[in-house]
Amino acid sequence: QVQLVESGGGLVQPGGSLRLSCAAFGRIFSIAVMGWYRQAPGKQRDLVASETSGGSTNYEDSVKGRFTISRDNAKNTVYLQMNSLKSEDTAIYYCYADVFNTLGARYQNRYWGQGTQVTVSS
């Protein structure tokens, strides 16, 4: 019902920057929360950052001050600006969206992007 399309990953040197984008398409009435998780090899998937439709943000401690999440609600799109990247930021980054599919829907459904690889290496 809803598809999330990510872009913006790649290879960057330590200290560099990348900007990830994720756009949601499909049966969407509203999106309560959009955000990003990441998963490094051999590790669990962890929340990186999230933002509510009202603009409240939440960040994992290790990225505070370096990453910035933002949303364009009119475009159903979320961004993750990543600065001062470190080797430990290397992971597959997955966006997600908690969606109300219709007017009057009682529950949100969570949808995931396909993942985009971010590699920080010299």
C-alpha atoms as a PDB file:
ATOM      1  CA  GLN A   1       0.000   0.000   0.000  1.00  0.00           C
ATOM      2  CA  VAL A   2       2.880   2.353   0.749  1.00  0.00           C
ATOM      3  CA  GLN A   3       6.348   2.393  -0.772  1.00  0.00           C
ATOM      4  CA  LEU A   4       9.354   4.202   0.632  1.00  0.00           C
ATOM      5  CA  VAL A   5      12.135   5.087  -1.785  1.00  0.00           C
ATOM      6  CA  GLU A   6      15.538   5.985  -0.375  1.00  0.00           C
ATOM      7  CA  SER A   7      18.488   7.712  -1.971  1.00  0.00           C
ATOM      8  CA  GLY A   8      21.760   9.384  -1.062  1.00  0.00           C
ATOM      9  CA  GLY A   9      23.989   6.677   0.361  1.00  0.00           C
ATOM     10  CA  GLY A  10      27.546   6.071  -0.739  1.00  0.00           C
ATOM     11  CA  LEU A  11      31.213   6.107   0.189  1.00  0.00           C
ATOM     12  CA  VAL A  12      32.632   9.078   2.079  1.00  0.00           C
ATOM     13  CA  GLN A  13      35.854   9.792   3.924  1.00  0.00           C
ATOM     14  CA  PRO A  14      35.912  10.285   7.700  1.00  0.00           C
ATOM     15  CA  GLY A  15      34.838  13.808   8.535  1.00  0.00           C
ATOM     16  CA  GLY A  16      32.747  14.074   5.399  1.00  0.00           C
ATOM     17  CA  SER A  17      29.034  14.552   4.890  1.00  0.00           C
ATOM     18  CA  LEU A  18      26.140  12.768   3.222  1.00  0.00           C
ATOM     19  CA  ARG A  19      22.447  13.536   2.902  1.00  0.00           C
ATOM     20  CA  LEU A  20      19.913  10.730   2.776  1.00  0.00           C
ATOM     21  CA  SER A  21      16.417  11.178   1.402  1.00  0.00           C
ATOM     22  CA  CYS A  22      13.328   8.999   1.714  1.00  0.00           C
ATOM     23  CA  ALA A  23      10.025   9.649  -0.040  1.00  0.00           C
ATOM     24  CA  ALA A  24       6.784   7.831   0.729  1.00  0.00           C
ATOM     25  CA  PHE A  25       4.234   7.030  -1.954  1.00  0.00           C
ATOM     26  CA  GLY A  26       0.885   5.283  -1.988  1.00  0.00           C
ATOM     27  CA  ARG A  27      -2.140   5.087   0.225  1.00  0.00           C
ATOM     28  CA  ILE A  28      -1.300   7.826   2.728  1.00  0.00           C
ATOM     29  CA  PHE A  29      -3.695   9.990   4.685  1.00  0.00           C
ATOM     30  CA  SER A  30      -1.067  11.216   7.108  1.00  0.00           C
ATOM     31  CA  ILE A  31       2.295  10.175   8.497  1.00  0.00           C
ATOM     32  CA  ALA A  32       2.733  10.341  12.248  1.00  0.00           C
ATOM     33  CA  VAL A  33       6.443   9.633  12.453  1.00  0.00           C
ATOM     34  CA  MET A  34       9.258   9.293   9.936  1.00  0.00           C
ATOM     35  CA  GLY A  35      12.759   8.292  10.793  1.00  0.00           C
ATOM     36  CA  TRP A  36      15.896   6.300  10.183  1.00  0.00           C
ATOM     37  CA  TYR A  37      17.370   3.113  11.573  1.00  0.00           C
ATOM     38  CA  ARG A  38      20.763   1.648  10.752  1.00  0.00           C
ATOM     39  CA  GLN A  39      22.254  -1.808  10.852  1.00  0.00           C
ATOM     40  CA  ALA A  40      25.962  -2.537  10.827  1.00  0.00           C
ATOM     41  CA  PRO A  41      27.270  -6.008   9.940  1.00  0.00           C
ATOM     42  CA  GLY A  42      26.677  -8.454  12.773  1.00  0.00           C
ATOM     43  CA  LYS A  43      24.694  -5.939  14.816  1.00  0.00           C
ATOM     44  CA  GLN A  44      21.045  -5.263  15.482  1.00  0.00           C
ATOM     45  CA  ARG A  45      19.059  -2.552  13.758  1.00  0.00           C
ATOM     46  CA  ASP A  46      19.099   0.589  15.893  1.00  0.00           C
ATOM     47  CA  LEU A  47      17.138   3.827  15.750  1.00  0.00           C
ATOM     48  CA  VAL A  48      19.216   6.771  14.560  1.00  0.00           C
ATOM     49  CA  ALA A  49      16.707   9.607  14.440  1.00  0.00           C
ATOM     50  CA  SER A  50      12.995  10.275  14.126  1.00  0.00           C
ATOM     51  CA  GLU A  51      10.646  13.205  13.681  1.00  0.00           C
ATOM     52  CA  THR A  52       6.941  13.539  14.342  1.00  0.00           C
ATOM     53  CA  SER A  53       4.544  15.388  12.073  1.00  0.00           C
ATOM     54  CA  GLY A  54       4.617  18.206  14.610  1.00  0.00           C
ATOM     55  CA  GLY A  55       8.368  18.571  14.358  1.00  0.00           C
ATOM     56  CA  SER A  56       9.542  16.846  17.526  1.00  0.00           C
ATOM     57  CA  THR A  57      12.836  15.077  16.977  1.00  0.00           C
ATOM     58  CA  ASN A  58      14.703  12.287  18.682  1.00  0.00           C
ATOM     59  CA  TYR A  59      18.330  11.246  18.156  1.00  0.00           C
ATOM     60  CA  GLU A  60      20.510   8.357  19.217  1.00  0.00           C
ATOM     61  CA  ASP A  61      23.216   9.671  21.531  1.00  0.00           C
ATOM     62  CA  SER A  62      26.179   8.941  19.266  1.00  0.00           C
ATOM     63  CA  VAL A  63      24.804  11.096  16.426  1.00  0.00           C
ATOM     64  CA  LYS A  64      23.631  14.114  18.410  1.00  0.00           C
ATOM     65  CA  GLY A  65      25.267  17.268  17.130  1.00  0.00           C
ATOM     66  CA  ARG A  66      26.374  15.558  13.909  1.00  0.00           C
ATOM     67  CA  PHE A  67      23.142  14.347  12.257  1.00  0.00           C
ATOM     68  CA  THR A  68      20.023  16.382  11.550  1.00  0.00           C
ATOM     69  CA  ILE A  69      16.660  14.941  10.594  1.00  0.00           C
ATOM     70  CA  SER A  70      14.074  17.000   8.758  1.00  0.00           C
ATOM     71  CA  ARG A  71      10.753  16.435   7.028  1.00  0.00           C
ATOM     72  CA  ASP A  72       8.805  17.930   4.179  1.00  0.00           C
ATOM     73  CA  ASN A  73       5.282  16.931   5.138  1.00  0.00           C
ATOM     74  CA  ALA A  74       3.811  18.183   1.866  1.00  0.00           C
ATOM     75  CA  LYS A  75       6.094  15.789  -0.023  1.00  0.00           C
ATOM     76  CA  ASN A  76       5.937  12.927   2.517  1.00  0.00           C
ATOM     77  CA  THR A  77       9.701  13.009   2.556  1.00  0.00           C
ATOM     78  CA  VAL A  78      12.274  12.719   5.318  1.00  0.00           C
ATOM     79  CA  TYR A  79      15.933  13.682   5.150  1.00  0.00           C
ATOM     80  CA  LEU A  80      18.972  12.828   7.220  1.00  0.00           C
ATOM     81  CA  GLN A  81      21.880  15.229   6.992  1.00  0.00           C
ATOM     82  CA  MET A  82      24.975  13.464   8.280  1.00  0.00           C
ATOM     83  CA  ASN A  83      28.061  15.549   9.062  1.00  0.00           C
ATOM     84  CA  SER A  84      31.404  14.714  10.671  1.00  0.00           C
ATOM     85  CA  LEU A  85      30.976  11.105   9.671  1.00  0.00           C
ATOM     86  CA  LYS A  86      32.971   8.432  11.454  1.00  0.00           C
ATOM     87  CA  SER A  87      33.897   4.894  10.503  1.00  0.00           C
ATOM     88  CA  GLU A  88      31.451   3.619  13.112  1.00  0.00           C
ATOM     89  CA  ASP A  89      28.613   5.241  11.162  1.00  0.00           C
ATOM     90  CA  THR A  90      29.143   2.646   8.433  1.00  0.00           C
ATOM     91  CA  ALA A  91      25.908   0.690   8.065  1.00  0.00           C
ATOM     92  CA  ILE A  92      22.846   0.138   5.961  1.00  0.00           C
ATOM     93  CA  TYR A  93      20.402   2.932   6.695  1.00  0.00           C
ATOM     94  CA  TYR A  94      16.679   2.197   6.560  1.00  0.00           C
ATOM     95  CA  CYS A  95      13.965   4.823   6.608  1.00  0.00           C
ATOM     96  CA  TYR A  96      10.544   4.127   8.033  1.00  0.00           C
ATOM     97  CA  ALA A  97       7.167   5.783   8.215  1.00  0.00           C
ATOM     98  CA  ASP A  98       4.261   5.245  10.610  1.00  0.00           C
ATOM     99  CA  VAL A  99       1.285   5.864   8.341  1.00  0.00           C
ATOM    100  CA  PHE A 100      -2.436   6.396   8.777  1.00  0.00           C
ATOM    101  CA  ASN A 101      -3.655   4.987   5.464  1.00  0.00           C
ATOM    102  CA  THR A 102      -7.130   6.520   5.522  1.00  0.00           C
ATOM    103  CA  LEU A 103      -9.167   9.249   7.197  1.00  0.00           C
ATOM    104  CA  GLY A 104     -10.437   7.842  10.457  1.00  0.00           C
ATOM    105  CA  ALA A 105      -7.921   4.999  10.592  1.00  0.00           C
ATOM    106  CA  ARG A 106      -7.448   3.928  14.188  1.00  0.00           C
ATOM    107  CA  TYR A 107      -4.001   2.443  13.812  1.00  0.00           C
ATOM    108  CA  GLN A 108      -0.762   3.345  12.122  1.00  0.00           C
ATOM    109  CA  ASN A 109       1.052   0.935   9.865  1.00  0.00           C
ATOM    110  CA  ARG A 110       4.833   0.953   9.704  1.00  0.00           C
ATOM    111  CA  TYR A 111       6.526   0.782   6.343  1.00  0.00           C
ATOM    112  CA  TRP A 112      10.219   0.429   5.539  1.00  0.00           C
ATOM    113  CA  GLY A 113      12.526   1.573   2.806  1.00  0.00           C
ATOM    114  CA  GLN A 114      14.811  -0.824   0.968  1.00  0.00           C
ATOM    115  CA  GLY A 115      17.942   0.398   2.722  1.00  0.00           C
ATOM    116  CA  THR A 116      20.889   2.397   1.482  1.00  0.00           C
ATOM    117  CA  GLN A 117      24.533   1.656   2.209  1.00  0.00           C
ATOM    118  CA  VAL A 118      26.650   4.287   3.908  1.00  0.00           C
ATOM    119  CA  THR A 119      30.369   3.525   4.081  1.00  0.00           C
ATOM    120  CA  VAL A 120      32.792   5.815   5.885  1.00  0.00           C
ATOM    121  CA  SER A 121      36.354   4.942   5.007  1.00  0.00           C
ATOM    122  CA  SER A 122      39.586   6.525   3.903  1.00  0.00           C
END
